[in-house]
N, C-alpha and C. Protein backbone atom coordinates (compact mmCIF):
# COMPACT_ATOMS: atom_id res chain seq x y z
N MET A 1 19.56 2.79 -25.28
CA MET A 1 18.44 2.65 -24.39
C MET A 1 17.23 3.31 -25.03
N GLY A 2 16.13 2.60 -25.15
CA GLY A 2 14.94 3.13 -25.80
C GLY A 2 14.08 3.95 -24.86
N ILE A 3 13.08 4.53 -25.43
CA ILE A 3 12.13 5.35 -24.67
C ILE A 3 11.07 4.42 -24.06
N LEU A 4 10.77 4.66 -22.80
CA LEU A 4 9.75 3.86 -22.12
C LEU A 4 8.36 4.32 -22.54
N THR A 5 7.50 3.36 -22.82
CA THR A 5 6.12 3.69 -23.14
C THR A 5 5.42 4.17 -21.86
N ASP A 6 4.25 4.77 -22.00
CA ASP A 6 3.48 5.22 -20.83
C ASP A 6 3.20 4.06 -19.89
N GLU A 7 2.86 2.89 -20.44
CA GLU A 7 2.56 1.72 -19.62
C GLU A 7 3.80 1.26 -18.86
N MET A 8 4.94 1.27 -19.52
CA MET A 8 6.19 0.88 -18.86
C MET A 8 6.54 1.86 -17.75
N GLN A 9 6.33 3.15 -17.98
CA GLN A 9 6.61 4.16 -16.96
C GLN A 9 5.70 3.96 -15.76
N ARG A 10 4.43 3.64 -16.01
CA ARG A 10 3.47 3.39 -14.92
C ARG A 10 3.92 2.19 -14.10
N LEU A 11 4.36 1.13 -14.76
CA LEU A 11 4.81 -0.06 -14.05
C LEU A 11 6.05 0.21 -13.21
N VAL A 12 6.96 1.01 -13.73
CA VAL A 12 8.16 1.37 -12.98
C VAL A 12 7.78 2.18 -11.74
N ARG A 13 6.85 3.13 -11.89
CA ARG A 13 6.40 3.92 -10.73
C ARG A 13 5.76 3.02 -9.67
N GLU A 14 4.94 2.07 -10.11
CA GLU A 14 4.30 1.15 -9.17
C GLU A 14 5.33 0.27 -8.48
N GLN A 15 6.31 -0.21 -9.23
CA GLN A 15 7.36 -1.04 -8.66
C GLN A 15 8.14 -0.27 -7.60
N ARG A 16 8.43 0.98 -7.88
CA ARG A 16 9.17 1.80 -6.92
C ARG A 16 8.34 2.05 -5.66
N LEU A 17 7.03 2.28 -5.82
CA LEU A 17 6.14 2.48 -4.67
C LEU A 17 6.13 1.24 -3.79
N VAL A 18 5.95 0.08 -4.37
CA VAL A 18 5.92 -1.17 -3.60
C VAL A 18 7.27 -1.38 -2.91
N GLY A 19 8.36 -1.15 -3.63
CA GLY A 19 9.69 -1.31 -3.04
C GLY A 19 9.93 -0.38 -1.87
N ARG A 20 9.55 0.89 -2.03
CA ARG A 20 9.72 1.86 -0.92
C ARG A 20 8.94 1.40 0.30
N ALA A 21 7.72 0.97 0.07
CA ALA A 21 6.86 0.56 1.19
C ALA A 21 7.45 -0.65 1.91
N LEU A 22 7.86 -1.66 1.16
CA LEU A 22 8.37 -2.88 1.80
C LEU A 22 9.73 -2.67 2.45
N ARG A 23 10.57 -1.82 1.90
CA ARG A 23 11.86 -1.53 2.54
C ARG A 23 11.66 -0.90 3.92
N THR A 24 10.59 -0.16 4.08
CA THR A 24 10.30 0.47 5.37
C THR A 24 10.10 -0.58 6.46
N ALA A 25 9.62 -1.75 6.09
CA ALA A 25 9.35 -2.80 7.07
C ALA A 25 10.61 -3.50 7.56
N VAL A 26 11.74 -3.29 6.86
CA VAL A 26 12.94 -4.08 7.12
C VAL A 26 14.06 -3.22 7.73
N ASP A 27 14.71 -3.77 8.71
CA ASP A 27 15.94 -3.19 9.24
C ASP A 27 17.05 -3.67 8.30
N LEU A 28 17.49 -2.80 7.41
CA LEU A 28 18.44 -3.19 6.38
C LEU A 28 19.79 -3.61 6.97
N LYS A 29 20.17 -3.06 8.10
CA LYS A 29 21.42 -3.47 8.76
C LYS A 29 21.31 -4.91 9.24
N ALA A 30 20.17 -5.28 9.81
CA ALA A 30 19.97 -6.66 10.27
C ALA A 30 19.91 -7.64 9.09
N LEU A 31 19.42 -7.17 7.96
CA LEU A 31 19.36 -8.02 6.76
C LEU A 31 20.77 -8.27 6.21
N GLY A 32 21.65 -7.31 6.44
CA GLY A 32 23.03 -7.48 5.99
C GLY A 32 23.15 -7.35 4.49
N SER A 33 24.04 -8.13 3.92
CA SER A 33 24.31 -8.05 2.48
C SER A 33 23.35 -8.88 1.65
N ARG A 34 22.39 -9.51 2.29
CA ARG A 34 21.42 -10.34 1.57
C ARG A 34 20.40 -9.48 0.83
N SER A 35 19.89 -10.04 -0.24
CA SER A 35 18.82 -9.39 -1.00
C SER A 35 17.59 -10.27 -0.98
N VAL A 36 16.44 -9.64 -0.94
CA VAL A 36 15.17 -10.35 -1.00
C VAL A 36 14.38 -9.74 -2.14
N ILE A 37 13.88 -10.59 -3.02
CA ILE A 37 13.06 -10.11 -4.13
C ILE A 37 11.64 -10.60 -3.91
N ILE A 38 10.72 -9.68 -3.84
CA ILE A 38 9.30 -10.00 -3.71
C ILE A 38 8.64 -9.62 -5.02
N ASP A 39 8.08 -10.59 -5.71
CA ASP A 39 7.42 -10.36 -6.98
C ASP A 39 5.92 -10.34 -6.72
N CYS A 40 5.31 -9.17 -6.82
CA CYS A 40 3.88 -9.01 -6.53
C CYS A 40 3.08 -9.03 -7.82
N GLU A 41 2.27 -10.03 -7.97
CA GLU A 41 1.38 -10.09 -9.11
C GLU A 41 -0.04 -10.25 -8.58
N VAL A 42 -0.85 -9.23 -8.77
CA VAL A 42 -2.23 -9.27 -8.31
C VAL A 42 -3.04 -9.99 -9.38
N ILE A 43 -3.48 -11.20 -9.06
CA ILE A 43 -4.14 -12.05 -10.05
C ILE A 43 -5.57 -11.61 -10.31
N GLN A 44 -6.28 -11.22 -9.26
CA GLN A 44 -7.66 -10.81 -9.42
C GLN A 44 -7.93 -9.61 -8.52
N ALA A 45 -8.42 -8.53 -9.11
CA ALA A 45 -8.73 -7.34 -8.32
C ALA A 45 -9.72 -6.48 -9.08
N ASP A 46 -10.49 -5.74 -8.34
CA ASP A 46 -11.41 -4.77 -8.92
C ASP A 46 -10.93 -3.40 -8.48
N GLY A 47 -9.72 -3.04 -8.91
CA GLY A 47 -9.09 -1.79 -8.47
C GLY A 47 -8.18 -2.07 -7.30
N GLY A 48 -7.39 -1.08 -6.92
CA GLY A 48 -6.53 -1.19 -5.76
C GLY A 48 -5.38 -2.16 -5.90
N THR A 49 -4.86 -2.36 -7.11
CA THR A 49 -3.78 -3.33 -7.29
C THR A 49 -2.50 -2.91 -6.59
N ARG A 50 -2.19 -1.61 -6.57
CA ARG A 50 -0.98 -1.16 -5.86
C ARG A 50 -1.09 -1.43 -4.37
N THR A 51 -2.23 -1.11 -3.80
CA THR A 51 -2.39 -1.31 -2.37
C THR A 51 -2.42 -2.80 -2.03
N ALA A 52 -3.02 -3.60 -2.89
CA ALA A 52 -3.03 -5.06 -2.68
C ALA A 52 -1.61 -5.62 -2.77
N ALA A 53 -0.82 -5.12 -3.71
CA ALA A 53 0.56 -5.59 -3.86
C ALA A 53 1.38 -5.28 -2.62
N ILE A 54 1.17 -4.12 -2.04
CA ILE A 54 1.92 -3.74 -0.84
C ILE A 54 1.49 -4.60 0.35
N THR A 55 0.19 -4.71 0.55
CA THR A 55 -0.34 -5.45 1.70
C THR A 55 0.01 -6.93 1.61
N GLY A 56 -0.19 -7.53 0.45
CA GLY A 56 0.17 -8.94 0.26
C GLY A 56 1.66 -9.14 0.18
N GLY A 57 2.35 -8.18 -0.41
CA GLY A 57 3.81 -8.26 -0.50
C GLY A 57 4.46 -8.30 0.86
N TYR A 58 3.89 -7.58 1.82
CA TYR A 58 4.42 -7.63 3.18
C TYR A 58 4.31 -9.04 3.75
N VAL A 59 3.19 -9.71 3.52
CA VAL A 59 3.02 -11.07 4.03
C VAL A 59 4.08 -11.99 3.41
N ALA A 60 4.32 -11.85 2.11
CA ALA A 60 5.36 -12.65 1.46
C ALA A 60 6.73 -12.34 2.04
N LEU A 61 7.01 -11.07 2.28
CA LEU A 61 8.29 -10.65 2.85
C LEU A 61 8.46 -11.23 4.26
N ALA A 62 7.44 -11.11 5.09
CA ALA A 62 7.52 -11.63 6.45
C ALA A 62 7.71 -13.14 6.44
N HIS A 63 7.05 -13.81 5.54
CA HIS A 63 7.19 -15.26 5.42
C HIS A 63 8.62 -15.62 4.99
N ALA A 64 9.15 -14.87 4.03
CA ALA A 64 10.50 -15.13 3.52
C ALA A 64 11.56 -14.90 4.60
N LEU A 65 11.32 -13.95 5.50
CA LEU A 65 12.32 -13.59 6.50
C LEU A 65 12.10 -14.25 7.86
N ARG A 66 11.16 -15.14 7.96
CA ARG A 66 10.76 -15.67 9.27
C ARG A 66 11.87 -16.42 10.00
N HIS A 67 12.85 -16.98 9.30
CA HIS A 67 13.91 -17.75 9.95
C HIS A 67 15.22 -16.98 10.07
N PHE A 68 15.23 -15.73 9.65
CA PHE A 68 16.46 -14.93 9.71
C PHE A 68 16.77 -14.55 11.15
N THR A 69 18.06 -14.56 11.48
CA THR A 69 18.53 -14.09 12.77
C THR A 69 19.69 -13.15 12.53
N PRO A 70 19.67 -11.95 13.10
CA PRO A 70 18.59 -11.38 13.90
C PRO A 70 17.38 -11.06 13.03
N LYS A 71 16.24 -10.92 13.67
CA LYS A 71 14.99 -10.66 12.95
C LYS A 71 15.05 -9.29 12.27
N PRO A 72 14.99 -9.26 10.93
CA PRO A 72 15.12 -7.97 10.25
C PRO A 72 13.81 -7.18 10.12
N LEU A 73 12.68 -7.80 10.41
CA LEU A 73 11.41 -7.07 10.27
C LEU A 73 11.20 -6.14 11.45
N ARG A 74 10.76 -4.93 11.13
CA ARG A 74 10.50 -3.94 12.18
C ARG A 74 9.01 -3.82 12.45
N LYS A 75 8.24 -3.53 11.42
CA LYS A 75 6.80 -3.29 11.58
C LYS A 75 6.08 -3.77 10.34
N ASN A 76 4.81 -4.12 10.54
CA ASN A 76 3.97 -4.44 9.38
C ASN A 76 3.80 -3.19 8.52
N VAL A 77 3.54 -3.42 7.24
CA VAL A 77 3.22 -2.36 6.30
C VAL A 77 1.98 -2.79 5.53
N ALA A 78 1.03 -1.89 5.39
CA ALA A 78 -0.17 -2.17 4.61
C ALA A 78 -0.62 -0.89 3.91
N ALA A 79 -1.47 -1.06 2.92
CA ALA A 79 -1.94 0.09 2.14
C ALA A 79 -3.40 -0.08 1.77
N VAL A 80 -4.05 1.05 1.59
CA VAL A 80 -5.47 1.05 1.24
C VAL A 80 -5.79 2.30 0.44
N SER A 81 -6.86 2.23 -0.32
CA SER A 81 -7.35 3.42 -1.02
C SER A 81 -8.65 3.88 -0.37
N ALA A 82 -8.90 5.16 -0.46
CA ALA A 82 -10.14 5.74 0.04
C ALA A 82 -10.43 6.98 -0.78
N GLY A 83 -11.66 7.42 -0.75
CA GLY A 83 -11.98 8.63 -1.48
C GLY A 83 -13.45 8.98 -1.38
N PHE A 84 -13.81 10.00 -2.10
CA PHE A 84 -15.19 10.48 -2.12
C PHE A 84 -15.82 10.11 -3.45
N VAL A 85 -16.93 9.39 -3.37
CA VAL A 85 -17.69 9.01 -4.54
C VAL A 85 -19.09 9.58 -4.37
N GLN A 86 -19.47 10.48 -5.23
CA GLN A 86 -20.75 11.17 -5.14
C GLN A 86 -20.97 11.74 -3.74
N GLY A 87 -19.92 12.33 -3.20
CA GLY A 87 -19.99 12.98 -1.89
C GLY A 87 -19.88 12.05 -0.70
N GLU A 88 -19.84 10.74 -0.94
CA GLU A 88 -19.77 9.76 0.16
C GLU A 88 -18.34 9.26 0.31
N LEU A 89 -17.87 9.17 1.55
CA LEU A 89 -16.54 8.65 1.85
C LEU A 89 -16.55 7.13 1.72
N VAL A 90 -15.63 6.59 0.93
CA VAL A 90 -15.59 5.16 0.63
C VAL A 90 -14.18 4.64 0.88
N LEU A 91 -14.09 3.47 1.52
CA LEU A 91 -12.82 2.79 1.73
C LEU A 91 -12.68 1.67 0.71
N ASP A 92 -11.46 1.45 0.21
CA ASP A 92 -11.16 0.38 -0.72
C ASP A 92 -12.00 0.50 -1.99
N LEU A 93 -11.73 1.56 -2.72
CA LEU A 93 -12.51 1.85 -3.93
C LEU A 93 -12.38 0.75 -4.97
N ALA A 94 -13.51 0.30 -5.48
CA ALA A 94 -13.53 -0.61 -6.62
C ALA A 94 -13.27 0.22 -7.88
N TYR A 95 -12.95 -0.45 -8.97
CA TYR A 95 -12.62 0.28 -10.20
C TYR A 95 -13.75 1.20 -10.62
N ALA A 96 -14.98 0.73 -10.55
CA ALA A 96 -16.13 1.55 -10.96
C ALA A 96 -16.24 2.80 -10.08
N GLU A 97 -15.92 2.69 -8.81
CA GLU A 97 -15.94 3.85 -7.91
C GLU A 97 -14.75 4.76 -8.18
N ASP A 98 -13.58 4.17 -8.35
CA ASP A 98 -12.36 4.94 -8.58
C ASP A 98 -12.47 5.77 -9.85
N SER A 99 -13.09 5.21 -10.86
CA SER A 99 -13.16 5.91 -12.15
C SER A 99 -14.10 7.12 -12.13
N VAL A 100 -14.97 7.21 -11.12
CA VAL A 100 -15.89 8.36 -11.02
C VAL A 100 -15.71 9.12 -9.71
N ALA A 101 -14.66 8.80 -8.96
CA ALA A 101 -14.45 9.42 -7.65
C ALA A 101 -14.16 10.91 -7.78
N ASP A 102 -14.68 11.68 -6.83
CA ASP A 102 -14.34 13.10 -6.75
C ASP A 102 -12.91 13.27 -6.26
N ALA A 103 -12.49 12.37 -5.38
CA ALA A 103 -11.12 12.38 -4.87
C ALA A 103 -10.73 10.94 -4.56
N ASP A 104 -9.47 10.63 -4.82
CA ASP A 104 -8.94 9.29 -4.61
C ASP A 104 -7.60 9.43 -3.88
N VAL A 105 -7.46 8.72 -2.75
CA VAL A 105 -6.24 8.81 -1.96
C VAL A 105 -5.76 7.40 -1.63
N ASN A 106 -4.48 7.12 -1.90
CA ASN A 106 -3.85 5.87 -1.48
C ASN A 106 -2.97 6.18 -0.29
N VAL A 107 -3.09 5.36 0.76
CA VAL A 107 -2.32 5.57 1.98
C VAL A 107 -1.55 4.29 2.29
N VAL A 108 -0.25 4.44 2.57
CA VAL A 108 0.61 3.34 2.98
C VAL A 108 1.13 3.70 4.37
N ALA A 109 0.98 2.77 5.32
CA ALA A 109 1.39 3.06 6.69
C ALA A 109 1.90 1.81 7.38
N THR A 110 2.57 2.03 8.51
CA THR A 110 3.08 0.92 9.32
C THR A 110 2.08 0.55 10.41
N SER A 111 2.37 -0.57 11.07
CA SER A 111 1.53 -1.00 12.19
C SER A 111 1.63 -0.04 13.36
N GLY A 112 2.64 0.81 13.37
CA GLY A 112 2.77 1.83 14.41
C GLY A 112 2.03 3.11 14.07
N GLY A 113 1.31 3.12 12.96
CA GLY A 113 0.55 4.29 12.56
C GLY A 113 1.36 5.35 11.86
N GLU A 114 2.58 5.01 11.46
CA GLU A 114 3.43 5.97 10.76
C GLU A 114 3.14 5.93 9.26
N LEU A 115 3.04 7.09 8.66
CA LEU A 115 2.77 7.17 7.23
C LEU A 115 4.04 6.94 6.43
N ILE A 116 3.93 6.14 5.39
CA ILE A 116 5.03 5.89 4.47
C ILE A 116 4.83 6.70 3.20
N GLU A 117 3.62 6.65 2.70
CA GLU A 117 3.34 7.39 1.47
C GLU A 117 1.84 7.69 1.42
N VAL A 118 1.54 8.87 0.92
CA VAL A 118 0.15 9.28 0.70
C VAL A 118 0.10 9.86 -0.71
N GLN A 119 -0.77 9.30 -1.53
CA GLN A 119 -0.97 9.81 -2.89
C GLN A 119 -2.43 10.20 -3.02
N GLY A 120 -2.69 11.46 -3.25
CA GLY A 120 -4.06 11.91 -3.35
C GLY A 120 -4.29 12.79 -4.55
N THR A 121 -5.44 12.61 -5.16
CA THR A 121 -5.79 13.38 -6.35
C THR A 121 -7.25 13.80 -6.28
N ALA A 122 -7.50 15.06 -6.54
CA ALA A 122 -8.87 15.55 -6.69
C ALA A 122 -9.23 15.37 -8.15
N GLU A 123 -10.15 14.48 -8.40
CA GLU A 123 -10.55 14.19 -9.78
C GLU A 123 -11.72 15.08 -10.20
N GLY A 124 -12.80 15.02 -9.43
CA GLY A 124 -14.01 15.74 -9.79
C GLY A 124 -14.10 17.12 -9.19
N ARG A 125 -13.57 17.26 -7.98
CA ARG A 125 -13.61 18.55 -7.29
C ARG A 125 -12.48 18.58 -6.27
N PRO A 126 -11.97 19.76 -5.97
CA PRO A 126 -10.97 19.85 -4.91
C PRO A 126 -11.59 19.43 -3.58
N PHE A 127 -10.75 18.94 -2.67
CA PHE A 127 -11.27 18.58 -1.36
C PHE A 127 -10.56 19.37 -0.29
N SER A 128 -11.26 19.58 0.81
CA SER A 128 -10.77 20.43 1.90
C SER A 128 -9.81 19.67 2.80
N ARG A 129 -9.14 20.40 3.64
CA ARG A 129 -8.27 19.78 4.65
C ARG A 129 -9.09 18.88 5.57
N ALA A 130 -10.29 19.32 5.93
CA ALA A 130 -11.16 18.51 6.79
C ALA A 130 -11.54 17.21 6.08
N ASP A 131 -11.82 17.28 4.78
CA ASP A 131 -12.11 16.07 4.01
C ASP A 131 -10.90 15.15 3.98
N PHE A 132 -9.71 15.73 3.79
CA PHE A 132 -8.49 14.93 3.78
C PHE A 132 -8.29 14.23 5.12
N ASP A 133 -8.54 14.95 6.21
CA ASP A 133 -8.40 14.34 7.54
C ASP A 133 -9.36 13.17 7.70
N ARG A 134 -10.58 13.30 7.17
CA ARG A 134 -11.56 12.21 7.23
C ARG A 134 -11.08 11.01 6.41
N VAL A 135 -10.55 11.27 5.23
CA VAL A 135 -10.03 10.19 4.38
C VAL A 135 -8.88 9.48 5.10
N LEU A 136 -7.98 10.25 5.68
CA LEU A 136 -6.83 9.68 6.36
C LEU A 136 -7.26 8.85 7.57
N GLU A 137 -8.20 9.34 8.34
CA GLU A 137 -8.69 8.60 9.50
C GLU A 137 -9.32 7.27 9.08
N LEU A 138 -10.17 7.29 8.06
CA LEU A 138 -10.79 6.06 7.57
C LEU A 138 -9.72 5.11 7.03
N SER A 139 -8.75 5.65 6.31
CA SER A 139 -7.67 4.83 5.75
C SER A 139 -6.88 4.14 6.85
N MET A 140 -6.57 4.86 7.90
CA MET A 140 -5.79 4.27 9.00
C MET A 140 -6.58 3.18 9.72
N ARG A 141 -7.89 3.33 9.84
CA ARG A 141 -8.71 2.26 10.42
C ARG A 141 -8.69 1.03 9.50
N GLY A 142 -8.78 1.26 8.19
CA GLY A 142 -8.69 0.16 7.24
C GLY A 142 -7.34 -0.54 7.28
N ILE A 143 -6.28 0.23 7.39
CA ILE A 143 -4.94 -0.35 7.47
C ILE A 143 -4.79 -1.18 8.74
N ALA A 144 -5.35 -0.73 9.84
CA ALA A 144 -5.30 -1.51 11.09
C ALA A 144 -5.98 -2.87 10.89
N GLN A 145 -7.09 -2.89 10.18
CA GLN A 145 -7.78 -4.16 9.90
C GLN A 145 -6.93 -5.05 8.99
N LEU A 146 -6.28 -4.45 8.00
CA LEU A 146 -5.42 -5.23 7.11
C LEU A 146 -4.22 -5.81 7.86
N ILE A 147 -3.66 -5.05 8.78
CA ILE A 147 -2.52 -5.54 9.56
C ILE A 147 -2.95 -6.71 10.45
N GLU A 148 -4.14 -6.63 10.99
CA GLU A 148 -4.67 -7.75 11.77
C GLU A 148 -4.81 -8.99 10.88
N ALA A 149 -5.29 -8.81 9.66
CA ALA A 149 -5.41 -9.93 8.72
C ALA A 149 -4.03 -10.47 8.33
N GLN A 150 -3.05 -9.58 8.14
CA GLN A 150 -1.69 -10.04 7.85
C GLN A 150 -1.17 -10.91 8.99
N ASN A 151 -1.32 -10.45 10.21
CA ASN A 151 -0.83 -11.19 11.37
C ASN A 151 -1.52 -12.55 11.50
N ASN A 152 -2.81 -12.59 11.23
CA ASN A 152 -3.53 -13.85 11.26
C ASN A 152 -3.02 -14.81 10.18
N ALA A 153 -2.76 -14.29 9.00
CA ALA A 153 -2.24 -15.12 7.90
C ALA A 153 -0.85 -15.66 8.25
N LEU A 154 -0.05 -14.86 8.92
CA LEU A 154 1.31 -15.29 9.26
C LEU A 154 1.35 -16.28 10.41
N LYS A 155 0.28 -16.39 11.18
CA LYS A 155 0.22 -17.38 12.27
C LYS A 155 0.00 -18.77 11.73
N LYS A 156 -0.53 -18.88 10.53
CA LYS A 156 -0.86 -20.20 9.97
C LYS A 156 0.36 -20.93 9.49
C-alpha cells in the first residue's frame, strides 16, 4: 500500500465528511442490508464544494430512496460556509472571500436544526465566542433556505 499524496488525503477527508453527513439523514435499520452510493461531483463552483456536495448529495439520496418502503429518510441535511471577511460576516463564501477570510466556518445540520458537523478555522485573527454564535446563527438561517430549496426540487 503506497503513501497517499496530500491531494488524495484531502479527497478522502472530504469523502468521509459527505458520507457522515448523508448517513445522518438515513434510518439505517429501515434501509436494511441495501447500500446506496451517492457520487458527488461539483461541476461548477466558486468555493464551497464540500457544502455543495452535501446539500446536493442529499437531494440525490432522497430521490434515490423515494420508492423505498419503509421510508428510510429521517431529515433533510444541508451545509453552508460562513465567516468574517474584512470584519464583515458573510454567508456562502466565494473562493476569493474564503482565501482572505479572517475566519471560515462550515456548518452541516439537519432540517430539525441539529448540528452534524462544524468545522471552523481562524485564518487572519482569532474569533470570539460571540462571533462564533453570530456565524452559527447566520449559517442555520442559510441552511433553512437550502432545505426549502431541496424540498422544492424534490417536489418536481
